[in-house]
C-alpha atoms as a PDB file:
ATOM      1  CA  MET A   1      47.107 -12.894  13.590  1.00  0.00           C
ATOM      2  CA  ALA A   2      50.159 -11.505  11.930  1.00  0.00           C
ATOM      3  CA  ASN A   3      53.262 -13.636  11.508  1.00  0.00           C
ATOM      4  CA  VAL A   4      56.527 -11.381  12.468  1.00  0.00           C
ATOM      5  CA  GLU A   5      60.025 -12.627  11.610  1.00  0.00           C
ATOM      6  CA  LEU A   6      63.178 -10.764  12.478  1.00  0.00           C
ATOM      7  CA  THR A   7      66.294 -11.098  10.516  1.00  0.00           C
ATOM      8  CA  LYS A   8      69.642  -9.436  11.452  1.00  0.00           C
ATOM      9  CA  VAL A   9      71.035  -7.870   8.317  1.00  0.00           C
ATOM     10  CA  GLU A  10      74.283  -6.203   9.198  1.00  0.00           C
ATOM     11  CA  GLN A  11      76.302  -4.549  11.999  1.00  0.00           C
ATOM     12  CA  ARG A  12      77.235  -1.006  11.276  1.00  0.00           C
ATOM     13  CA  ARG A  13      80.409   0.706  12.538  1.00  0.00           C
ATOM     14  CA  ASN A  14      78.483   3.156  14.683  1.00  0.00           C
ATOM     15  CA  GLY A  15      77.127   0.531  16.963  1.00  0.00           C
ATOM     16  CA  GLN A  16      73.950   0.150  15.154  1.00  0.00           C
ATOM     17  CA  LEU A  17      72.320  -3.178  14.086  1.00  0.00           C
ATOM     18  CA  LEU A  18      70.153  -3.403  10.964  1.00  0.00           C
ATOM     19  CA  PHE A  19      67.160  -5.720  11.094  1.00  0.00           C
ATOM     20  CA  SER A  20      64.647  -6.736   8.644  1.00  0.00           C
ATOM     21  CA  VAL A  21      61.317  -7.041   9.994  1.00  0.00           C
ATOM     22  CA  ARG A  22      59.021  -9.152   7.919  1.00  0.00           C
ATOM     23  CA  VAL A  23      55.301  -9.082   8.594  1.00  0.00           C
ATOM     24  CA  GLN A  24      52.782 -11.442   6.940  1.00  0.00           C
ATOM     25  CA  THR A  25      49.068 -10.765   7.458  1.00  0.00           C
ATOM     26  CA  THR A  26      45.908 -11.840   5.767  1.00  0.00           C
ATOM     27  CA  ALA A  27      46.055  -8.421   4.061  1.00  0.00           C
ATOM     28  CA  GLY A  28      49.437  -9.056   2.571  1.00  0.00           C
ATOM     29  CA  ARG A  29      53.148  -8.750   3.352  1.00  0.00           C
ATOM     30  CA  MET A  30      55.417  -5.874   4.364  1.00  0.00           C
ATOM     31  CA  GLU A  31      58.915  -5.815   4.947  1.00  0.00           C
ATOM     32  CA  LEU A  32      60.527  -3.004   6.991  1.00  0.00           C
ATOM     33  CA  PRO A  33      64.319  -2.114   7.605  1.00  0.00           C
ATOM     34  CA  THR A  34      64.748  -1.142  11.287  1.00  0.00           C
ATOM     35  CA  ALA A  35      67.989   0.089  12.820  1.00  0.00           C
ATOM     36  CA  ILE A  36      68.614   0.013  16.631  1.00  0.00           C
ATOM     37  CA  GLU A  37      71.659   0.665  18.854  1.00  0.00           C
ATOM     38  CA  ASP A  38      73.253  -2.715  19.861  1.00  0.00           C
ATOM     39  CA  GLN A  39      71.665  -3.646  23.286  1.00  0.00           C
ATOM     40  CA  GLY A  40      74.382  -6.240  24.082  1.00  0.00           C
ATOM     41  CA  SER A  41      72.517  -9.460  23.547  1.00  0.00           C
ATOM     42  CA  SER A  42      70.262 -11.164  21.062  1.00  0.00           C
ATOM     43  CA  ALA A  43      67.343 -11.187  23.141  1.00  0.00           C
ATOM     44  CA  LEU A  44      67.626  -7.547  24.014  1.00  0.00           C
ATOM     45  CA  ASN A  45      68.378  -6.647  20.467  1.00  0.00           C
ATOM     46  CA  GLU A  46      65.171  -8.520  19.274  1.00  0.00           C
ATOM     47  CA  ALA A  47      63.005  -6.815  22.050  1.00  0.00           C
ATOM     48  CA  ALA A  48      64.346  -3.316  21.077  1.00  0.00           C
ATOM     49  CA  VAL A  49      63.371  -4.223  17.284  1.00  0.00           C
ATOM     50  CA  LEU A  50      59.928  -5.199  18.295  1.00  0.00           C
ATOM     51  CA  ARG A  51      59.391  -2.144  20.494  1.00  0.00           C
ATOM     52  CA  SER A  52      60.544  -0.031  17.512  1.00  0.00           C
ATOM     53  CA  THR A  53      58.320  -1.768  15.055  1.00  0.00           C
ATOM     54  CA  LEU A  54      55.225  -1.393  17.356  1.00  0.00           C
ATOM     55  CA  THR A  55      55.814   2.243  17.758  1.00  0.00           C
ATOM     56  CA  PHE A  56      56.159   2.675  14.022  1.00  0.00           C
ATOM     57  CA  ALA A  57      52.961   0.589  13.417  1.00  0.00           C
ATOM     58  CA  GLU A  58      51.024   2.514  16.250  1.00  0.00           C
ATOM     59  CA  GLU A  59      52.204   5.759  14.680  1.00  0.00           C
ATOM     60  CA  LEU A  60      51.398   4.655  11.065  1.00  0.00           C
ATOM     61  CA  ALA A  61      47.843   3.483  12.037  1.00  0.00           C
ATOM     62  CA  ALA A  62      47.024   6.889  13.795  1.00  0.00           C
ATOM     63  CA  THR A  63      48.315   8.610  10.662  1.00  0.00           C
ATOM     64  CA  VAL A  64      46.335   6.491   8.124  1.00  0.00           C
ATOM     65  CA  ARG A  65      42.959   6.761  10.316  1.00  0.00           C
ATOM     66  CA  SER A  66      43.457  10.546  10.197  1.00  0.00           C
ATOM     67  CA  LYS A  67      44.084  10.597   6.555  1.00  0.00           C
ATOM     68  CA  LEU A  68      41.073   8.479   5.949  1.00  0.00           C
ATOM     69  CA  GLY A  69      38.799  10.713   8.235  1.00  0.00           C
ATOM     70  CA  GLY A  70      38.528   8.147  11.011  1.00  0.00           C
ATOM     71  CA  GLY A  71      39.959  10.331  13.607  1.00  0.00           C
END
């Protein structure tokens, strides 16, 4: 199972928060910058970052499978 680590990088003037999402798997390590609207609490912000990251991963997986001919 992958290890996921979230780090708040900065708070932007427009109400956005920038997070770094670090993912370590047996296949390697990847770091993704993820910007979200401030949800008002640390727990809600982390949940929003994880949801955003999951959506990205699902879309990426579908695109890669399509490119590889795996449907």
